[in-house]
Amino acid sequence: MKRIILITGGQRSGKSRQAEELALNLSEHPVYVATAHVWDEEFRERVRRHQARRGSQWTNIEEEIHLSRHNLMGRVVVIDCVTLWLTNFFFTNDSNVDKSLELAKAEFDAFTSKDATYIFVTNEIGSGGVSDNAIQRQFTDLQGWMNQYIASKADEVILMVSGIPVKVKS
């Protein structure tokens, strides 16, 4: 049976840890799909810390855009994270919000069409102030619209606040 869970919140709110704990409660051998493009050494270190926190029971997949190329039917899957995944669409499509959103929605739908438990991690970047940078404002719009799309399809939405999970939709 297909199930979609969205875990959202601010930076360092405990989203990834919550997603990993939930996945391990649902499966002895969950899948972790990392969507990040590693841009620099500081980010590479973040990735190493995340990998070290997960044990050998995880199947790790690195996929920057085409999630649907992986058949994960019947598995429990953490996708971390939507924000970095959208960044890949955004920069691949010359910062075109409409095209990026259309492609991301289509990829999301194709990926989640199979029976599996999908746990998406995302950021609430629009909760802060309005940026004075036009590209950042465009990306924030893209992120917000994609978060709304995923939340509309989700069976459950959890907002992380200072490490505490708050059920928004169940």
Protein backbone atom coordinates (compact mmCIF):
# COMPACT_ATOMS: atom_id res chain seq x y z
CA MET A 1 0.00 0.00 0.00
CA LYS A 2 1.36 3.41 -0.97
CA ARG A 3 1.96 5.92 1.79
CA ILE A 4 3.45 9.42 1.53
CA ILE A 5 4.79 11.26 4.57
CA LEU A 6 6.14 14.82 4.40
CA ILE A 7 8.45 16.08 7.15
CA THR A 8 9.04 19.81 7.03
CA GLY A 9 10.60 22.50 9.18
CA GLY A 10 13.44 24.95 9.43
CA GLN A 11 17.15 24.33 9.13
CA ARG A 12 18.49 22.16 11.98
CA SER A 13 14.97 21.44 13.26
CA GLY A 14 15.54 17.66 13.36
CA LYS A 15 13.82 16.76 10.08
CA SER A 16 16.35 14.22 8.82
CA ARG A 17 16.74 12.51 12.17
CA GLN A 18 12.94 12.24 12.51
CA ALA A 19 12.66 10.77 9.00
CA GLU A 20 15.41 8.24 9.68
CA GLU A 21 13.88 7.16 13.01
CA LEU A 22 10.47 6.78 11.41
CA ALA A 23 11.93 4.72 8.54
CA LEU A 24 13.76 2.42 10.95
CA ASN A 25 10.54 1.92 12.93
CA LEU A 26 8.83 0.83 9.70
CA SER A 27 11.60 -1.30 8.17
CA GLU A 28 14.76 -3.15 9.19
CA HIS A 29 16.34 -2.18 5.86
CA PRO A 30 15.09 1.19 4.63
CA VAL A 31 16.34 3.09 1.60
CA TYR A 32 17.92 6.55 1.78
CA VAL A 33 17.77 8.65 -1.39
CA ALA A 34 20.16 11.59 -1.21
CA THR A 35 19.28 14.33 -3.69
CA ALA A 36 22.14 16.74 -2.99
CA HIS A 37 24.66 17.95 -5.47
CA VAL A 38 27.87 18.39 -3.48
CA TRP A 39 29.08 21.92 -4.21
CA ASP A 40 31.97 22.35 -1.78
CA GLU A 41 34.01 20.77 1.01
CA GLU A 42 31.81 22.10 3.84
CA PHE A 43 28.78 20.46 2.25
CA ARG A 44 30.74 17.26 1.61
CA GLU A 45 31.40 17.14 5.39
CA ARG A 46 27.67 17.52 6.09
CA VAL A 47 27.02 14.58 3.79
CA ARG A 48 29.69 12.51 5.60
CA ARG A 49 28.06 13.25 8.98
CA HIS A 50 24.65 12.17 7.67
CA GLN A 51 26.14 8.97 6.22
CA ALA A 52 27.98 8.16 9.46
CA ARG A 53 24.76 8.53 11.44
CA ARG A 54 23.06 5.87 9.32
CA GLY A 55 24.11 2.29 9.83
CA SER A 56 24.78 -0.55 7.44
CA GLN A 57 21.10 -1.53 7.40
CA TRP A 58 20.42 1.35 4.98
CA THR A 59 20.47 1.06 1.20
CA ASN A 60 21.91 4.38 -0.01
CA ILE A 61 21.09 5.88 -3.40
CA GLU A 62 22.38 9.19 -4.71
CA GLU A 63 20.02 10.74 -7.25
CA GLU A 64 19.96 14.44 -8.05
CA ILE A 65 16.85 14.61 -10.29
CA HIS A 66 15.42 11.37 -11.71
CA LEU A 67 14.00 9.64 -8.63
CA SER A 68 11.62 7.57 -10.76
CA ARG A 69 14.46 5.66 -12.41
CA HIS A 70 14.74 3.68 -9.16
CA ASN A 71 12.19 0.95 -8.55
CA LEU A 72 11.66 0.94 -4.79
CA MET A 73 8.35 -0.90 -4.76
CA GLY A 74 7.49 -2.32 -1.36
CA ARG A 75 10.31 -0.44 0.39
CA VAL A 76 10.41 2.30 3.02
CA VAL A 77 12.22 5.24 1.43
CA VAL A 78 13.57 8.49 2.89
CA ILE A 79 14.08 11.22 0.29
CA ASP A 80 16.39 13.87 1.72
CA CYS A 81 15.70 16.47 0.66
CA VAL A 82 13.12 18.16 -1.55
CA THR A 83 14.89 21.53 -1.27
CA LEU A 84 18.16 20.23 -2.70
CA TRP A 85 16.26 18.19 -5.30
CA LEU A 86 14.42 21.35 -6.43
CA THR A 87 17.71 23.25 -6.55
CA ASN A 88 18.88 20.77 -9.17
CA PHE A 89 15.76 21.40 -11.30
CA PHE A 90 16.02 25.16 -10.80
CA PHE A 91 19.61 25.48 -11.97
CA THR A 92 19.23 22.91 -14.76
CA ASN A 93 16.33 24.96 -16.15
CA ASP A 94 17.95 28.43 -16.00
CA SER A 95 16.00 29.44 -12.86
CA ASN A 96 12.69 29.02 -14.67
CA VAL A 97 10.21 28.48 -11.83
CA ASP A 98 7.27 27.32 -13.96
CA LYS A 99 9.30 24.78 -15.93
CA SER A 100 11.08 23.53 -12.80
CA LEU A 101 7.79 23.12 -10.93
CA GLU A 102 6.16 21.30 -13.84
CA LEU A 103 9.09 18.89 -14.19
CA ALA A 104 9.40 18.31 -10.42
CA LYS A 105 5.67 17.55 -10.09
CA ALA A 106 5.83 15.09 -12.99
CA GLU A 107 8.89 13.39 -11.51
CA PHE A 108 7.27 13.25 -8.06
CA ASP A 109 4.13 11.67 -9.53
CA ALA A 110 6.13 9.10 -11.52
CA PHE A 111 8.29 8.23 -8.52
CA THR A 112 5.40 7.85 -6.07
CA SER A 113 3.18 5.88 -8.46
CA LYS A 114 4.40 2.56 -7.05
CA ASP A 115 3.40 1.03 -3.74
CA ALA A 116 6.00 2.01 -1.17
CA THR A 117 6.30 4.18 1.91
CA TYR A 118 7.83 7.52 0.90
CA ILE A 119 9.16 9.85 3.60
CA PHE A 120 10.03 13.22 2.04
CA VAL A 121 12.15 15.74 3.96
CA THR A 122 11.78 19.40 3.02
CA ASN A 123 12.48 22.89 4.32
CA GLU A 124 10.11 25.73 5.15
CA ILE A 125 12.38 28.37 3.64
CA GLY A 126 9.46 30.77 3.14
CA SER A 127 8.90 31.08 6.89
CA GLY A 128 11.65 33.67 7.24
CA GLY A 129 11.83 37.17 5.87
CA VAL A 130 11.54 38.08 2.21
CA SER A 131 14.93 38.04 0.51
CA ASP A 132 16.26 41.09 -1.29
CA ASN A 133 17.65 38.70 -3.94
CA ALA A 134 15.32 38.05 -6.91
CA ILE A 135 16.67 34.53 -7.60
CA GLN A 136 16.19 33.58 -3.94
CA ARG A 137 12.61 34.88 -4.00
CA GLN A 138 11.92 32.82 -7.13
CA PHE A 139 13.37 29.69 -5.55
CA THR A 140 11.38 30.30 -2.35
CA ASP A 141 8.21 30.44 -4.46
CA LEU A 142 9.18 27.19 -6.22
CA GLN A 143 9.86 25.52 -2.87
CA GLY A 144 6.60 26.70 -1.36
CA TRP A 145 4.51 25.53 -4.31
CA MET A 146 6.22 22.13 -4.39
CA ASN A 147 5.79 21.71 -0.64
CA GLN A 148 2.08 22.45 -1.06
CA TYR A 149 1.86 19.92 -3.88
CA ILE A 150 3.54 17.18 -1.88
CA ALA A 151 1.50 17.99 1.23
CA SER A 152 -1.72 17.73 -0.82
CA LYS A 153 -0.69 14.21 -1.89
CA ALA A 154 0.66 13.20 1.53
CA ASP A 155 -1.14 10.93 3.96
CA GLU A 156 0.73 12.56 6.82
CA VAL A 157 2.57 15.86 7.31
CA ILE A 158 4.88 16.50 10.26
CA LEU A 159 6.29 19.92 11.14
CA MET A 160 9.52 19.81 13.12
CA VAL A 161 9.90 22.58 15.69
CA SER A 162 13.14 22.57 17.73
CA GLY A 163 13.44 18.80 17.43
CA ILE A 164 9.80 18.18 18.32
CA PRO A 165 7.48 16.58 15.73
CA VAL A 166 4.10 18.31 15.41
CA LYS A 167 1.45 16.45 13.37
CA VAL A 168 -0.08 18.80 10.84
CA LYS A 169 -1.96 16.21 8.77
CA SER A 170 -2.77 12.59 9.55
